Amino acid sequence: MAGSPILILDTSLSGLSLVYQLRQRMPEERFAFFADLARAPYAYRSPERIEIFVEQIVRRVERLKAKYVLLACDICSATALSSLRQQLGSIPVSGIIDPAARAAVETTGNSDRPTIGIFAGNWTIENRVLERAIFRRRTKCSLFFRPAIGLESLINEGRSVEDPLVMMAAEQYLQQMIDKGCETILLASTALATVRRTIQMLAGEEINVVDSVRATADDVTRRIRRLRLSRPTPLNANEKLISWFLTDESPEIFDRAERIAGFELPPPTIVGLDELDSLAPNPRLRSTG
């Protein structure tokens, strides 16, 4: 089990940033990554449909015998975590909502009533999932939410942090947080993790900037070590570092994926939607909540 891969599920390539961060912390580990690009965005799907999608993906890659499953999508983390834990039984599963909320609260320190600014997706804001997660840990704080759709779009186009448009967008979004007096800024979108240093530079030393990717990587590393699932030996030359799967085969995807992951990727496995749909869901595993 310890030699099995860590499986990361996402609806975009941004989840590969988690592979990058986890490799920094656990270089001996193997990974599997599945990006359901063709059925994204999940924001327009019902919770029941999202549960089915996640179950289908896990069943498709079950031959990899993953030792840990991470839901890198905030919507999946909020809607499918419970049902997936039921499905997998003894295999640990976690998401990105709680680690992000914990990091934001811990970073505020001992301020009497801090203001936390949060860049997040519209779905996450409207469904108040981060708001609830933060208030479970600290009730005496003010939250200021802001979607950063324009900045995310530029990043998802593959633009670098040095791009003038990226810098301009980051400055515009950040200024709203500064005007609100935010002491801590949480980048709750995995896409924004790539510009954390830029936002920190623009914000100055008095504002703490944290992101969900690093917070989640820290959380998963702690969990794996606590559960004694760490791989005991380094990878050998014959072992594959990562297996990755996509539901979209557009050629431009591959170059961008390598930039996010930070290393050369092997060819991906393209999974057709017909193949996923053929994996009929088990009615016993549907959430009753």
Protein backbone atom coordinates (compact mmCIF):
# COMPACT_ATOMS: atom_id res chain seq x y z
CA MET A 1 0.00 0.00 0.00
CA ALA A 2 2.78 2.48 0.88
CA GLY A 3 4.19 2.16 -2.64
CA SER A 4 0.85 2.91 -4.30
CA PRO A 5 0.19 6.33 -5.86
CA ILE A 6 -1.60 9.36 -4.48
CA LEU A 7 -4.62 10.02 -6.72
CA ILE A 8 -5.61 13.64 -7.41
CA LEU A 9 -8.93 14.44 -9.10
CA ASP A 10 -9.79 17.79 -10.66
CA THR A 11 -11.91 19.39 -13.36
CA SER A 12 -8.98 21.42 -14.70
CA LEU A 13 -5.23 21.17 -15.11
CA SER A 14 -4.70 23.38 -12.05
CA GLY A 15 -4.69 20.29 -9.86
CA LEU A 16 -1.25 19.52 -11.27
CA SER A 17 0.01 22.35 -9.06
CA LEU A 18 -0.78 20.02 -6.16
CA VAL A 19 1.40 17.36 -7.73
CA TYR A 20 4.20 19.93 -7.86
CA GLN A 21 3.77 20.94 -4.22
CA LEU A 22 3.44 17.37 -2.96
CA ARG A 23 6.61 16.39 -4.80
CA GLN A 24 8.46 19.16 -2.95
CA ARG A 25 7.34 17.63 0.35
CA MET A 26 7.41 13.93 -0.54
CA PRO A 27 9.79 13.39 -3.48
CA GLU A 28 9.68 9.63 -3.06
CA GLU A 29 5.93 9.36 -3.81
CA ARG A 30 4.16 8.30 -7.01
CA PHE A 31 1.08 10.12 -8.33
CA ALA A 32 -1.98 9.68 -10.50
CA PHE A 33 -3.92 12.65 -11.83
CA PHE A 34 -7.32 12.80 -13.53
CA ALA A 35 -8.68 16.00 -15.07
CA ASP A 36 -12.31 15.81 -16.19
CA LEU A 37 -11.97 18.66 -18.66
CA ALA A 38 -14.74 17.57 -21.01
CA ARG A 39 -17.48 17.67 -18.36
CA ALA A 40 -16.31 20.86 -16.68
CA PRO A 41 -17.40 23.19 -15.26
CA TYR A 42 -19.11 21.25 -12.48
CA ALA A 43 -20.73 24.44 -11.18
CA TYR A 44 -23.78 23.78 -13.36
CA ARG A 45 -24.17 20.17 -12.25
CA SER A 46 -26.37 18.87 -9.45
CA PRO A 47 -24.65 17.44 -6.34
CA GLU A 48 -26.01 14.00 -7.28
CA ARG A 49 -24.50 14.22 -10.76
CA ILE A 50 -21.14 15.35 -9.34
CA GLU A 51 -21.11 12.38 -6.99
CA ILE A 52 -21.69 10.09 -9.96
CA PHE A 53 -18.92 11.75 -11.98
CA VAL A 54 -16.41 11.36 -9.14
CA GLU A 55 -17.40 7.75 -8.57
CA GLN A 56 -16.99 6.97 -12.27
CA ILE A 57 -13.51 8.50 -12.32
CA VAL A 58 -12.39 6.55 -9.27
CA ARG A 59 -13.73 3.32 -10.75
CA ARG A 60 -11.94 4.03 -14.03
CA VAL A 61 -8.55 4.24 -12.33
CA GLU A 62 -9.10 1.70 -9.56
CA ARG A 63 -6.52 -0.65 -11.11
CA LEU A 64 -3.86 1.82 -9.92
CA LYS A 65 -4.77 0.88 -6.33
CA ALA A 66 -4.32 4.42 -5.01
CA LYS A 67 -3.47 4.67 -1.31
CA TYR A 68 -4.91 8.17 -0.92
CA VAL A 69 -7.44 10.23 -2.90
CA LEU A 70 -7.45 14.02 -3.01
CA LEU A 71 -10.31 16.05 -4.49
CA ALA A 72 -8.55 19.11 -5.89
CA CYS A 73 -11.79 20.71 -7.08
CA ASP A 74 -13.59 22.90 -4.52
CA ILE A 75 -17.01 21.85 -5.82
CA CYS A 76 -16.14 18.15 -5.59
CA SER A 77 -14.71 18.72 -2.11
CA ALA A 78 -17.97 20.31 -0.99
CA THR A 79 -20.38 17.85 -2.62
CA ALA A 80 -18.73 14.45 -3.15
CA LEU A 81 -16.36 13.98 -0.22
CA SER A 82 -18.81 12.07 1.97
CA SER A 83 -20.06 9.72 -0.73
CA LEU A 84 -16.53 8.99 -1.95
CA ARG A 85 -15.41 8.10 1.56
CA GLN A 86 -18.34 5.70 1.72
CA GLN A 87 -17.38 4.24 -1.63
CA LEU A 88 -13.70 3.71 -0.81
CA GLY A 89 -13.99 2.55 2.77
CA SER A 90 -10.51 2.26 4.26
CA ILE A 91 -8.77 4.42 1.63
CA PRO A 92 -8.36 7.95 3.04
CA VAL A 93 -9.96 10.82 1.10
CA SER A 94 -9.67 14.58 1.60
CA GLY A 95 -10.42 17.83 -0.20
CA ILE A 96 -9.19 21.40 -0.42
CA ILE A 97 -11.88 23.34 1.47
CA ASP A 98 -10.91 22.56 5.08
CA PRO A 99 -7.12 22.95 4.63
CA ALA A 100 -7.67 26.34 2.96
CA ALA A 101 -9.98 27.51 5.75
CA ARG A 102 -7.56 26.33 8.43
CA ALA A 103 -4.62 28.10 6.78
CA ALA A 104 -6.56 31.36 6.55
CA VAL A 105 -7.56 31.23 10.22
CA GLU A 106 -4.12 30.23 11.49
CA THR A 107 -2.43 32.98 9.46
CA THR A 108 -4.56 35.70 11.08
CA GLY A 109 -2.83 34.99 14.40
CA ASN A 110 -4.12 36.77 17.49
CA SER A 111 -5.86 39.71 15.82
CA ASP A 112 -9.00 40.69 17.74
CA ARG A 113 -11.37 40.68 14.76
CA PRO A 114 -9.37 40.22 11.57
CA THR A 115 -10.65 40.81 8.05
CA ILE A 116 -9.91 37.92 5.70
CA GLY A 117 -10.14 38.50 1.97
CA ILE A 118 -10.92 35.46 -0.15
CA PHE A 119 -10.54 35.01 -3.89
CA ALA A 120 -12.79 32.10 -4.84
CA GLY A 121 -15.06 30.81 -7.59
CA ASN A 122 -18.66 31.97 -7.88
CA TRP A 123 -20.02 28.56 -6.86
CA THR A 124 -17.90 28.46 -3.71
CA ILE A 125 -18.98 31.95 -2.76
CA GLU A 126 -22.67 31.46 -3.49
CA ASN A 127 -22.83 28.16 -1.60
CA ARG A 128 -20.88 29.61 1.36
CA VAL A 129 -18.73 26.50 1.76
CA LEU A 130 -15.56 28.37 2.73
CA GLU A 131 -17.51 30.78 4.90
CA ARG A 132 -18.88 27.91 6.96
CA ALA A 133 -15.49 26.18 7.12
CA ILE A 134 -13.82 29.34 8.42
CA PHE A 135 -16.54 30.16 10.96
CA ARG A 136 -16.29 26.64 12.37
CA ARG A 137 -12.76 27.58 13.39
CA ARG A 138 -13.14 31.26 14.19
CA THR A 139 -16.37 33.21 14.56
CA LYS A 140 -14.84 36.60 15.39
CA CYS A 141 -13.64 37.66 11.98
CA SER A 142 -14.93 39.50 8.93
CA LEU A 143 -14.85 37.89 5.51
CA PHE A 144 -14.68 39.66 2.17
CA PHE A 145 -15.24 37.41 -0.84
CA ARG A 146 -14.33 38.30 -4.38
CA PRO A 147 -14.42 36.17 -7.54
CA ALA A 148 -11.30 36.64 -9.68
CA ILE A 149 -12.69 35.32 -12.94
CA GLY A 150 -10.67 37.66 -15.15
CA LEU A 151 -7.37 36.81 -13.50
CA GLU A 152 -8.13 33.08 -13.54
CA SER A 153 -8.99 33.24 -17.23
CA LEU A 154 -5.65 34.83 -18.04
CA ILE A 155 -3.81 32.17 -16.04
CA ASN A 156 -5.83 29.37 -17.64
CA GLU A 157 -4.81 30.72 -21.04
CA GLY A 158 -1.27 29.83 -20.09
CA ARG A 159 -0.02 33.40 -19.55
CA SER A 160 2.98 33.76 -17.25
CA VAL A 161 3.06 35.83 -14.08
CA GLU A 162 5.30 38.33 -15.88
CA ASP A 163 2.62 39.00 -18.48
CA PRO A 164 1.50 42.67 -18.24
CA LEU A 165 -2.16 41.66 -18.41
CA VAL A 166 -1.73 39.25 -15.51
CA MET A 167 0.04 41.91 -13.45
CA MET A 168 -2.64 44.49 -14.24
CA ALA A 169 -5.47 42.12 -13.33
CA ALA A 170 -3.73 41.07 -10.10
CA GLU A 171 -3.29 44.70 -9.07
CA GLN A 172 -6.94 45.52 -9.77
CA TYR A 173 -8.32 42.57 -7.82
CA LEU A 174 -5.87 43.06 -4.97
CA GLN A 175 -6.70 46.74 -4.55
CA GLN A 176 -10.25 45.83 -3.53
CA MET A 177 -8.87 43.63 -0.75
CA ILE A 178 -6.55 46.40 0.42
CA ASP A 179 -9.39 48.93 0.41
CA LYS A 180 -11.40 46.58 2.67
CA GLY A 181 -8.52 46.44 5.16
CA CYS A 182 -7.84 42.72 4.72
CA GLU A 183 -5.05 41.44 6.96
CA THR A 184 -4.98 38.01 5.32
CA ILE A 185 -5.77 37.06 1.74
CA LEU A 186 -6.69 33.50 0.83
CA LEU A 187 -6.30 32.35 -2.76
CA ALA A 188 -8.94 29.64 -2.67
CA SER A 189 -8.70 28.86 -6.37
CA THR A 190 -5.98 26.39 -7.37
CA ALA A 191 -5.40 28.41 -10.54
CA LEU A 192 -4.38 31.45 -8.48
CA ALA A 193 -1.67 29.54 -6.60
CA THR A 194 0.69 30.20 -9.51
CA VAL A 195 0.53 33.96 -8.85
CA ARG A 196 0.78 33.84 -5.05
CA ARG A 197 4.25 35.37 -4.98
CA THR A 198 3.16 38.15 -7.32
CA ILE A 199 0.14 38.97 -5.16
CA GLN A 200 2.28 38.87 -2.02
CA MET A 201 4.76 41.25 -3.64
CA LEU A 202 1.99 43.63 -4.63
CA ALA A 203 0.26 43.38 -1.24
CA GLY A 204 3.38 44.14 0.77
CA GLU A 205 4.71 42.59 3.98
CA GLU A 206 1.83 43.75 6.19
CA ILE A 207 -0.69 41.47 4.45
CA ASN A 208 -0.35 37.70 4.64
CA VAL A 209 -1.17 35.80 1.44
CA VAL A 210 -1.95 32.08 1.67
CA ASP A 211 -3.19 29.71 -0.99
CA SER A 212 -5.24 26.53 -1.01
CA VAL A 213 -2.63 24.53 -2.94
CA ARG A 214 0.17 24.87 -0.39
CA ALA A 215 -2.26 24.51 2.49
CA THR A 216 -3.69 21.31 0.98
CA ALA A 217 -0.24 19.90 0.20
CA ASP A 218 0.77 20.45 3.83
CA ASP A 219 -2.44 18.80 5.02
CA VAL A 220 -2.07 15.72 2.78
CA THR A 221 1.58 15.32 3.76
CA ARG A 222 0.66 15.35 7.47
CA ARG A 223 -2.14 12.86 6.92
CA ILE A 224 -0.03 10.42 4.92
CA ARG A 225 2.75 10.48 7.49
CA ARG A 226 0.34 10.14 10.40
CA LEU A 227 -1.33 7.16 8.72
CA ARG A 228 2.10 5.65 8.01
CA LEU A 229 1.41 5.55 4.29
CA SER A 230 4.67 7.21 3.28
CA ARG A 231 6.65 5.38 0.64
CA PRO A 232 9.73 3.94 2.40
CA THR A 233 12.14 4.06 -0.54
CA PRO A 234 12.89 6.46 -3.42
CA LEU A 235 11.58 5.79 -6.90
CA ASN A 236 13.80 3.59 -9.01
CA ALA A 237 14.56 4.16 -12.68
CA ASN A 238 11.87 1.71 -13.84
CA GLU A 239 9.00 3.26 -11.88
CA LYS A 240 6.68 5.82 -13.42
CA LEU A 241 6.41 9.01 -11.37
CA ILE A 242 2.93 9.85 -12.62
CA SER A 243 0.07 8.42 -14.62
CA TRP A 244 -2.37 11.03 -15.81
CA PHE A 245 -5.76 10.92 -17.47
CA LEU A 246 -7.77 13.49 -19.43
CA THR A 247 -11.25 13.60 -20.93
CA ASP A 248 -10.07 16.11 -23.55
CA GLU A 249 -7.23 15.54 -26.04
CA SER A 250 -6.60 19.07 -27.34
CA PRO A 251 -2.85 19.22 -28.16
CA GLU A 252 -2.29 22.63 -26.50
CA ILE A 253 -3.25 21.10 -23.17
CA PHE A 254 -0.06 19.08 -22.87
CA ASP A 255 2.43 21.97 -22.91
CA ARG A 256 0.45 23.87 -20.31
CA ALA A 257 0.18 20.76 -18.13
CA GLU A 258 3.97 20.42 -17.98
CA ARG A 259 4.39 24.06 -17.02
CA ILE A 260 2.02 23.58 -14.09
CA ALA A 261 3.49 20.24 -12.97
CA GLY A 262 7.06 21.51 -13.23
CA PHE A 263 8.47 18.41 -14.87
CA GLU A 264 8.25 16.45 -18.12
CA LEU A 265 5.07 14.39 -18.25
CA PRO A 266 4.57 11.09 -20.05
CA PRO A 267 1.80 10.90 -22.67
CA PRO A 268 -1.63 11.06 -20.98
CA THR A 269 -4.35 8.46 -21.24
CA ILE A 270 -7.41 9.93 -22.96
CA VAL A 271 -10.64 8.65 -21.42
CA GLY A 272 -13.79 8.98 -23.49
CA LEU A 273 -17.05 10.05 -21.89
CA ASP A 274 -18.74 6.95 -23.28
CA GLU A 275 -16.27 4.87 -21.31
CA LEU A 276 -17.03 6.75 -18.10
CA ASP A 277 -20.78 6.60 -18.68
CA SER A 278 -20.54 2.83 -19.08
CA LEU A 279 -19.38 2.60 -15.47
CA ALA A 280 -22.85 2.50 -13.98
CA PRO A 281 -23.03 4.04 -10.50
CA ASN A 282 -23.93 1.88 -7.54
CA PRO A 283 -27.24 3.13 -6.02
CA ARG A 284 -26.04 2.10 -2.55
CA LEU A 285 -23.34 4.75 -2.72
CA ARG A 286 -25.59 7.72 -3.41
CA SER A 287 -25.58 10.30 -0.67
CA THR A 288 -28.70 10.53 1.45
CA GLY A 289 -27.84 14.01 2.74
